[in-house]
Amino acid sequence: MTATDHRTVDVTSLGPLSHQEGLDLFAAELDQLLALMQTLSPEDWTAQTECPDWDVRRMMLHVLGAGEGGASFREFGHQMMAARRYQKEHGGPQEAALSATQVADRLALDPQALMARFTTMAPACVRARRRLPSLMRKASLTVDGPVVERWTLGYLIDTIYLRDAWMHRIDVCRATGHAPVLTPEHDGRIVADVVAEWSRRHGQPFTLVLDGPAGGTFVAGRSGEGEHLHLDAVEFCRTLAGRLPGSGLLATVVPF
């Protein structure tokens, strides 16, 4: 779905990602990330990303670590305990502490070793998350960044980890000058889900036109009401994720 399709979507028709759909998209996103990594030059791996503490290699170490935590309860438990120690020593939100732990534990991996581990991790992580019992997916947890609220484990697994991997693919492309591979079916669905959650979070009428292969036209409320916004689909997501400044409705934070 793109803005040039001239199709208008009422955001109230867009439900949250299902467990199956979220993991199908996640599996495809991990494939996209691995394909991107395989094109990187030695210089690309050391390129600085928009995340101040990470070059491209460290960013991918984080994605690898998150995936390995998803593939193994033992590894997940280790990461959580180490993150609590890190947070106690350095402060900051738990999410940042967990990411720092994932990177630190894997710093010895060069790009080739990283990709080899990634190849093993991806199917194992998706398989383990598919098997997670529905009762466990309903369990809730408190998060303290970028928003302070309670999430279900299912939302974290089906939505947040997908968005995180997707946004980091965009980050790597921006850092290295690679053009991201974007399709309506994959990236467009991820963006549409972000739009729907953004709409639920601010609750205001709007007309939103997003350009590019991942874009579309979205409305909430009666025609002509609320803010009218027109921008690139990827830049829309980067704004909500805090990588670009946003005003008005674009100041509404959506977690990635």
Protein backbone atom coordinates (compact mmCIF):
# COMPACT_ATOMS: atom_id res chain seq x y z
CA MET A 1 0.00 0.00 0.00
CA THR A 2 1.45 3.36 -0.99
CA ALA A 3 0.15 6.90 -0.97
CA THR A 4 -0.07 6.79 -4.76
CA ASP A 5 -2.58 3.90 -4.58
CA HIS A 6 -5.25 6.55 -3.76
CA ARG A 7 -6.74 4.21 -1.16
CA THR A 8 -7.83 5.72 2.13
CA VAL A 9 -7.77 3.56 5.24
CA ASP A 10 -9.91 4.26 8.28
CA VAL A 11 -7.51 3.52 11.13
CA THR A 12 -10.31 2.08 13.25
CA SER A 13 -10.34 -0.85 10.81
CA LEU A 14 -6.73 -1.70 11.69
CA GLY A 15 -6.48 -4.06 14.63
CA PRO A 16 -3.24 -4.89 16.46
CA LEU A 17 -0.94 -7.50 14.96
CA SER A 18 -1.94 -11.04 15.78
CA HIS A 19 0.58 -13.44 17.28
CA GLN A 20 0.96 -15.29 13.99
CA GLU A 21 1.14 -12.20 11.81
CA GLY A 22 3.61 -10.47 14.10
CA LEU A 23 5.96 -13.44 14.10
CA ASP A 24 5.60 -13.98 10.35
CA LEU A 25 6.68 -10.37 9.85
CA PHE A 26 9.46 -10.76 12.42
CA ALA A 27 10.85 -13.83 10.64
CA ALA A 28 10.85 -11.93 7.35
CA GLU A 29 12.47 -8.92 9.00
CA LEU A 30 15.32 -11.03 10.38
CA ASP A 31 15.87 -12.37 6.85
CA GLN A 32 16.01 -8.79 5.57
CA LEU A 33 18.53 -7.83 8.24
CA LEU A 34 20.79 -10.77 7.44
CA ALA A 35 20.61 -9.99 3.72
CA LEU A 36 21.57 -6.38 4.46
CA MET A 37 24.48 -7.41 6.69
CA GLN A 38 25.82 -9.64 3.93
CA THR A 39 26.20 -6.58 1.67
CA LEU A 40 28.15 -4.47 4.17
CA SER A 41 31.78 -3.55 3.60
CA PRO A 42 34.35 -3.52 6.42
CA GLU A 43 33.95 0.27 6.58
CA ASP A 44 30.17 -0.04 6.84
CA TRP A 45 30.43 -2.12 10.01
CA THR A 46 32.24 0.74 11.77
CA ALA A 47 29.88 3.49 10.56
CA GLN A 48 28.26 5.52 13.34
CA THR A 49 24.50 5.11 13.68
CA GLU A 50 21.98 7.60 15.07
CA CYS A 51 22.13 5.74 18.38
CA PRO A 52 25.09 7.55 20.01
CA ASP A 53 26.69 4.52 21.68
CA TRP A 54 26.52 2.22 18.67
CA ASP A 55 28.26 1.80 15.38
CA VAL A 56 26.66 -0.65 12.94
CA ARG A 57 28.36 -3.70 14.47
CA ARG A 58 27.23 -2.85 17.99
CA MET A 59 23.69 -2.20 16.79
CA MET A 60 23.58 -5.64 15.19
CA LEU A 61 25.06 -7.17 18.36
CA HIS A 62 22.04 -5.76 20.19
CA VAL A 63 19.63 -7.30 17.68
CA LEU A 64 21.49 -10.60 17.92
CA GLY A 65 21.40 -10.50 21.72
CA ALA A 66 17.68 -9.73 21.82
CA GLY A 67 17.03 -12.64 19.47
CA GLU A 68 19.19 -15.04 21.44
CA GLY A 69 17.30 -14.02 24.57
CA GLY A 70 14.08 -14.85 22.74
CA ALA A 71 15.41 -18.25 21.70
CA SER A 72 16.47 -19.36 25.20
CA PHE A 73 14.83 -18.79 28.59
CA ARG A 74 18.21 -19.36 30.21
CA GLU A 75 19.82 -16.63 28.11
CA PHE A 76 16.87 -14.31 28.70
CA GLY A 77 17.21 -14.81 32.46
CA HIS A 78 20.93 -14.09 32.31
CA GLN A 79 20.32 -10.89 30.35
CA MET A 80 17.65 -9.66 32.76
CA MET A 81 19.83 -10.25 35.82
CA ALA A 82 22.83 -8.57 34.18
CA ALA A 83 20.63 -5.65 33.10
CA ARG A 84 19.40 -5.14 36.67
CA ARG A 85 23.00 -4.97 37.87
CA TYR A 86 23.87 -2.53 35.08
CA GLN A 87 20.83 -0.37 35.85
CA LYS A 88 21.68 -0.30 39.57
CA GLU A 89 25.20 0.87 38.77
CA HIS A 90 24.54 3.26 35.89
CA GLY A 91 20.87 4.24 36.24
CA GLY A 92 18.65 4.86 33.23
CA PRO A 93 15.72 2.81 31.90
CA GLN A 94 15.72 -0.96 31.94
CA GLU A 95 15.52 -1.14 28.14
CA ALA A 96 18.83 0.73 27.80
CA ALA A 97 20.44 -1.47 30.45
CA LEU A 98 19.28 -4.61 28.67
CA SER A 99 20.58 -3.39 25.33
CA ALA A 100 23.94 -2.45 26.84
CA THR A 101 24.22 -5.92 28.38
CA GLN A 102 23.40 -7.62 25.08
CA VAL A 103 26.14 -5.67 23.31
CA ALA A 104 28.76 -6.07 26.03
CA ASP A 105 28.32 -9.85 26.15
CA ARG A 106 29.01 -10.11 22.40
CA LEU A 107 31.71 -7.51 21.79
CA ALA A 108 34.28 -10.15 20.82
CA LEU A 109 32.26 -11.14 17.73
CA ASP A 110 33.58 -9.83 14.43
CA PRO A 111 31.10 -9.33 11.56
CA GLN A 112 31.54 -12.85 10.17
CA ALA A 113 31.01 -14.48 13.56
CA LEU A 114 28.08 -12.17 14.22
CA MET A 115 26.36 -13.18 10.98
CA ALA A 116 27.00 -16.86 11.64
CA ARG A 117 25.39 -16.55 15.07
CA PHE A 118 22.54 -14.52 13.56
CA THR A 119 21.84 -17.27 11.02
CA THR A 120 21.41 -19.76 13.86
CA MET A 121 19.52 -17.37 16.12
CA ALA A 122 16.80 -16.24 13.70
CA PRO A 123 14.87 -19.51 13.22
CA ALA A 124 15.42 -20.54 16.85
CA CYS A 125 14.03 -17.26 18.17
CA VAL A 126 10.96 -17.34 15.92
CA ARG A 127 10.32 -21.00 16.78
CA ALA A 128 10.56 -20.38 20.52
CA ARG A 129 8.27 -17.36 20.41
CA ARG A 130 5.67 -19.22 18.35
CA ARG A 131 5.55 -21.89 21.06
CA LEU A 132 5.00 -19.47 23.92
CA PRO A 133 1.73 -20.45 25.65
CA SER A 134 -1.15 -17.99 25.30
CA LEU A 135 -1.48 -17.72 29.09
CA MET A 136 2.15 -16.61 29.35
CA ARG A 137 1.66 -14.11 26.54
CA LYS A 138 -1.07 -12.45 28.64
CA ALA A 139 1.33 -11.83 31.53
CA SER A 140 2.10 -8.15 32.06
CA LEU A 141 5.32 -6.29 32.77
CA THR A 142 6.21 -2.72 33.61
CA VAL A 143 8.42 -0.76 31.20
CA ASP A 144 10.17 2.52 31.96
CA GLY A 145 11.23 3.76 28.55
CA PRO A 146 10.47 5.29 26.10
CA VAL A 147 7.07 5.24 27.85
CA VAL A 148 6.21 4.29 31.41
CA GLU A 149 3.35 1.80 31.31
CA ARG A 150 2.45 -1.87 31.52
CA TRP A 151 2.66 -4.15 28.47
CA THR A 152 1.62 -7.71 27.94
CA LEU A 153 4.41 -10.11 27.06
CA GLY A 154 2.50 -10.81 23.83
CA TYR A 155 2.68 -7.15 22.80
CA LEU A 156 6.41 -7.11 23.49
CA ILE A 157 7.00 -10.27 21.46
CA ASP A 158 4.57 -9.74 18.59
CA THR A 159 4.99 -5.99 18.07
CA ILE A 160 7.89 -4.30 19.87
CA TYR A 161 10.67 -6.71 18.89
CA LEU A 162 9.46 -6.52 15.29
CA ARG A 163 9.50 -2.72 15.28
CA ASP A 164 12.91 -2.68 16.97
CA ALA A 165 14.48 -4.92 14.32
CA TRP A 166 12.79 -2.97 11.50
CA MET A 167 13.92 0.41 12.81
CA HIS A 168 17.48 -0.83 13.24
CA ARG A 169 17.50 -1.98 9.61
CA ILE A 170 16.55 1.58 8.69
CA ASP A 171 19.29 2.87 11.02
CA VAL A 172 21.92 0.70 9.36
CA CYS A 173 20.83 1.80 5.90
CA ARG A 174 21.05 5.44 6.88
CA ALA A 175 24.47 4.97 8.47
CA THR A 176 25.93 3.15 5.45
CA GLY A 177 24.12 4.82 2.56
CA HIS A 178 22.29 1.65 1.51
CA ALA A 179 18.76 2.08 0.19
CA PRO A 180 16.35 0.08 2.37
CA VAL A 181 14.33 -2.61 0.63
CA LEU A 182 10.69 -1.62 1.26
CA THR A 183 7.50 -3.34 0.11
CA PRO A 184 3.82 -2.62 0.76
CA GLU A 185 3.22 -6.17 1.97
CA HIS A 186 5.96 -6.23 4.61
CA ASP A 187 7.03 -2.71 5.50
CA GLY A 188 3.63 -1.25 4.68
CA ARG A 189 1.97 -3.55 7.22
CA ILE A 190 4.48 -2.58 9.90
CA VAL A 191 3.93 1.11 9.21
CA ALA A 192 0.14 0.71 9.19
CA ASP A 193 0.32 -0.93 12.61
CA VAL A 194 2.40 2.00 13.88
CA VAL A 195 -0.18 4.45 12.48
CA ALA A 196 -3.02 2.59 14.18
CA GLU A 197 -1.29 2.60 17.57
CA TRP A 198 -0.29 6.24 17.16
CA SER A 199 -3.96 7.04 16.52
CA ARG A 200 -5.11 5.10 19.59
CA ARG A 201 -2.53 6.86 21.75
CA HIS A 202 -3.48 10.44 20.86
CA GLY A 203 -7.19 9.86 20.13
CA GLN A 204 -7.53 12.86 17.80
CA PRO A 205 -8.96 13.14 14.26
CA PHE A 206 -6.43 13.44 11.43
CA THR A 207 -5.66 12.84 7.79
CA LEU A 208 -2.22 11.31 7.24
CA VAL A 209 -0.60 10.81 3.83
CA LEU A 210 2.57 8.76 3.90
CA ASP A 211 4.72 8.54 0.78
CA GLY A 212 6.84 5.63 -0.39
CA PRO A 213 6.37 1.88 -0.81
CA ALA A 214 5.52 1.51 2.89
CA GLY A 215 3.04 4.38 2.88
CA GLY A 216 -0.66 5.02 2.39
CA THR A 217 -3.42 7.43 3.30
CA PHE A 218 -4.99 7.09 6.74
CA VAL A 219 -7.86 8.95 8.38
CA ALA A 220 -9.54 9.13 11.76
CA GLY A 221 -12.71 11.09 12.42
CA ARG A 222 -14.85 12.91 9.90
CA SER A 223 -13.31 14.12 6.66
CA GLY A 224 -11.56 17.44 7.05
CA GLU A 225 -11.26 17.27 10.83
CA GLY A 226 -8.00 17.48 12.75
CA GLU A 227 -4.43 17.80 11.55
CA HIS A 228 -3.51 17.12 7.93
CA LEU A 229 -0.04 15.59 7.70
CA HIS A 230 1.98 14.58 4.64
CA LEU A 231 5.44 13.03 4.89
CA ASP A 232 7.50 9.98 4.00
CA ALA A 233 6.43 6.75 5.71
CA VAL A 234 9.88 5.94 7.09
CA GLU A 235 10.39 9.51 8.32
CA PHE A 236 7.00 9.29 10.06
CA CYS A 237 8.18 6.24 12.00
CA ARG A 238 11.57 7.78 12.75
CA THR A 239 9.79 10.81 14.19
CA LEU A 240 7.53 8.78 16.47
CA ALA A 241 10.56 6.75 17.57
CA GLY A 242 12.36 9.94 18.65
CA ARG A 243 14.99 10.04 15.91
CA LEU A 244 13.51 13.25 14.53
CA PRO A 245 11.73 16.08 16.37
CA GLY A 246 7.96 16.10 16.10
CA SER A 247 5.30 18.66 16.92
CA GLY A 248 1.54 18.48 17.20
CA LEU A 249 0.30 14.93 16.83
CA LEU A 250 3.77 13.88 15.67
CA ALA A 251 5.00 14.52 19.22
CA THR A 252 3.05 11.43 20.32
CA VAL A 253 5.56 8.71 21.24
CA VAL A 254 5.06 5.22 19.84
CA PRO A 255 7.47 2.63 21.28
CA PHE A 256 9.83 0.81 18.94
